[in-house]
C-alpha atoms as a PDB file:
ATOM      1  CA  MET A   1       2.788   5.563   1.777  1.00  0.00           C
ATOM      2  CA  GLY A   2       3.662   2.138   0.669  1.00  0.00           C
ATOM      3  CA  THR A   3       4.467   0.435  -2.213  1.00  0.00           C
ATOM      4  CA  VAL A   4       2.619  -1.369  -4.851  1.00  0.00           C
ATOM      5  CA  VAL A   5       3.780  -4.445  -5.175  1.00  0.00           C
ATOM      6  CA  SER A   6       0.641  -6.326  -7.435  1.00  0.00           C
ATOM      7  CA  ASN A   7      -1.808  -4.687  -9.585  1.00  0.00           C
ATOM      8  CA  LYS A   8      -2.969  -7.710 -11.688  1.00  0.00           C
ATOM      9  CA  MET A   9      -6.311  -6.537 -11.392  1.00  0.00           C
ATOM     10  CA  ASP A  10      -9.117  -4.005 -12.545  1.00  0.00           C
ATOM     11  CA  LYS A  11      -9.031  -0.705 -10.777  1.00  0.00           C
ATOM     12  CA  THR A  12      -7.235  -2.027  -7.831  1.00  0.00           C
ATOM     13  CA  VAL A  13      -3.533  -3.025  -6.411  1.00  0.00           C
ATOM     14  CA  ILE A  14      -2.160  -4.271  -3.720  1.00  0.00           C
ATOM     15  CA  VAL A  15      -0.037  -1.700  -1.608  1.00  0.00           C
ATOM     16  CA  SER A  16       3.322  -3.107   1.545  1.00  0.00           C
ATOM     17  CA  VAL A  17       3.652  -0.735   3.842  1.00  0.00           C
ATOM     18  CA  GLU A  18       6.327  -1.047   6.132  1.00  0.00           C
ATOM     19  CA  ARG A  19       6.941   0.064   9.388  1.00  0.00           C
ATOM     20  CA  LEU A  20       9.532   0.353  12.394  1.00  0.00           C
ATOM     21  CA  VAL A  21       9.046  -1.652  15.695  1.00  0.00           C
ATOM     22  CA  LYS A  22      11.381  -1.623  18.711  1.00  0.00           C
ATOM     23  CA  HIS A  23      11.263  -5.265  19.753  1.00  0.00           C
ATOM     24  CA  LYS A  24      10.643  -5.581  23.828  1.00  0.00           C
ATOM     25  CA  PHE A  25      13.507  -7.361  24.994  1.00  0.00           C
ATOM     26  CA  TYR A  26      15.899  -7.166  22.210  1.00  0.00           C
ATOM     27  CA  HIS A  27      15.757  -3.164  21.879  1.00  0.00           C
ATOM     28  CA  LYS A  28      16.799  -3.619  18.168  1.00  0.00           C
ATOM     29  CA  TYR A  29      14.256  -2.542  15.153  1.00  0.00           C
ATOM     30  CA  ILE A  30      12.115  -4.633  13.077  1.00  0.00           C
ATOM     31  CA  ARG A  31       9.912  -4.189  10.272  1.00  0.00           C
ATOM     32  CA  ARG A  32       6.678  -5.633   9.659  1.00  0.00           C
ATOM     33  CA  ARG A  33       4.931  -5.424   6.711  1.00  0.00           C
ATOM     34  CA  ALA A  34       1.275  -5.421   6.357  1.00  0.00           C
ATOM     35  CA  LYS A  35      -0.615  -4.942   2.871  1.00  0.00           C
ATOM     36  CA  PHE A  36      -3.098  -3.655   2.314  1.00  0.00           C
ATOM     37  CA  ALA A  37      -5.662  -3.572  -1.181  1.00  0.00           C
ATOM     38  CA  ALA A  38      -6.777  -0.290  -2.767  1.00  0.00           C
ATOM     39  CA  HIS A  39      -8.694   1.055  -4.983  1.00  0.00           C
ATOM     40  CA  ASP A  40      -6.887   2.676  -8.109  1.00  0.00           C
ATOM     41  CA  GLN A  41      -9.626   4.489 -10.399  1.00  0.00           C
ATOM     42  CA  GLY A  42      -7.279   4.977 -13.552  1.00  0.00           C
ATOM     43  CA  ASN A  43      -5.277   1.665 -13.284  1.00  0.00           C
ATOM     44  CA  THR A  44      -2.446   3.874 -13.496  1.00  0.00           C
ATOM     45  CA  CYS A  45      -0.375   2.535 -10.492  1.00  0.00           C
ATOM     46  CA  GLN A  46       2.096   0.538 -11.867  1.00  0.00           C
ATOM     47  CA  ILE A  47       4.722  -2.265  -9.746  1.00  0.00           C
ATOM     48  CA  GLY A  48       7.362  -0.487  -7.338  1.00  0.00           C
ATOM     49  CA  ASP A  49       5.281   2.943  -7.301  1.00  0.00           C
ATOM     50  CA  LYS A  50       5.808   4.330  -4.272  1.00  0.00           C
ATOM     51  CA  VAL A  51       1.822   5.807  -3.237  1.00  0.00           C
ATOM     52  CA  MET A  52       0.170   7.576  -0.796  1.00  0.00           C
ATOM     53  CA  LEU A  53      -2.935   5.510   0.558  1.00  0.00           C
ATOM     54  CA  THR A  54      -6.611   7.456   2.746  1.00  0.00           C
ATOM     55  CA  GLU A  55      -9.230   5.425   3.849  1.00  0.00           C
ATOM     56  CA  CYS A  56     -12.920   5.348   2.507  1.00  0.00           C
ATOM     57  CA  ARG A  57     -15.773   3.738   2.808  1.00  0.00           C
ATOM     58  CA  PRO A  58     -15.750   0.082   1.745  1.00  0.00           C
ATOM     59  CA  LEU A  59     -15.320  -0.103  -1.496  1.00  0.00           C
ATOM     60  CA  SER A  60     -15.414  -4.080  -1.649  1.00  0.00           C
ATOM     61  CA  ARG A  61     -14.786  -7.166   1.162  1.00  0.00           C
ATOM     62  CA  SER A  62     -10.932  -6.299   0.842  1.00  0.00           C
ATOM     63  CA  LYS A  63     -10.892  -2.555   0.095  1.00  0.00           C
ATOM     64  CA  ARG A  64     -11.419  -0.393   2.501  1.00  0.00           C
ATOM     65  CA  TRP A  65      -8.630   2.451   1.250  1.00  0.00           C
ATOM     66  CA  ARG A  66      -8.283   4.631  -1.749  1.00  0.00           C
ATOM     67  CA  VAL A  67      -4.832   5.683  -3.554  1.00  0.00           C
ATOM     68  CA  SER A  68      -5.124   9.474  -3.231  1.00  0.00           C
ATOM     69  CA  LYS A  69      -1.642  10.114  -5.399  1.00  0.00           C
ATOM     70  CA  ILE A  70       1.571   8.325  -6.665  1.00  0.00           C
ATOM     71  CA  VAL A  71       4.048  10.285  -5.152  1.00  0.00           C
ATOM     72  CA  GLU A  72       7.325   8.285  -7.139  1.00  0.00           C
ATOM     73  CA  LYS A  73       6.564   6.504  -9.813  1.00  0.00           C
ATOM     74  CA  ALA A  74       8.969   3.359 -10.458  1.00  0.00           C
ATOM     75  CA  VAL A  75      12.498   3.087 -13.106  1.00  0.00           C
END
């Protein structure tokens, strides 16, 4: 699950996935982000949408994920 941060390419969106990691020494939670290129077949995703990703076969050099559904549309 992540947020669409870019949709400038054809049938491709960049999704930012955030997770919380506990610091080993300070025991505080830190936010870590990873960006994934995902396949969007119908070009339906907009910037700010929350989407669900599923793993798939390599579709290009950087695309190994597919947008399975849009959970929440951006306002």
